[in-house]
């Protein structure tokens, strides 16, 4: 039997997301959104490592694509069942957020390359 990814486990996704403080929508900046989504992506990836969905040997974000669509850790905007604290629900232009995608990927890539030490948000470049 295949192990279920966190990306397919809605209840577990909700539980993990509930551990991350959501930015206040009325005072939301692009930087806050990037930090928020990067934290969630790291937690979801950590859960898939724990479940054995992702092998321990992964050292780059691009390697995650060998096992699943790695982008889903960062972007759940079009999930057919539920969007969890969606960028689309905030008063923030989606494409402005999407333009920051490379910053989030770079921070996760660095976090993976150093053996998943610390927090991926510690490696974020400045969001525009």
Foldseek 3Di string as FASTA:
>chain_A
DDFDQPLRVVVVLQVLLVVQDQDDLVPDDLLSLLLSLLQQLLSSVVVCCVRVQDDQPDQALVVVVVRPDSCCSRAPPVPPPDDDSHPVVGPDDPVLSVVCVVQSRVLVNNCSNVRNPDGSSVRGDDRD
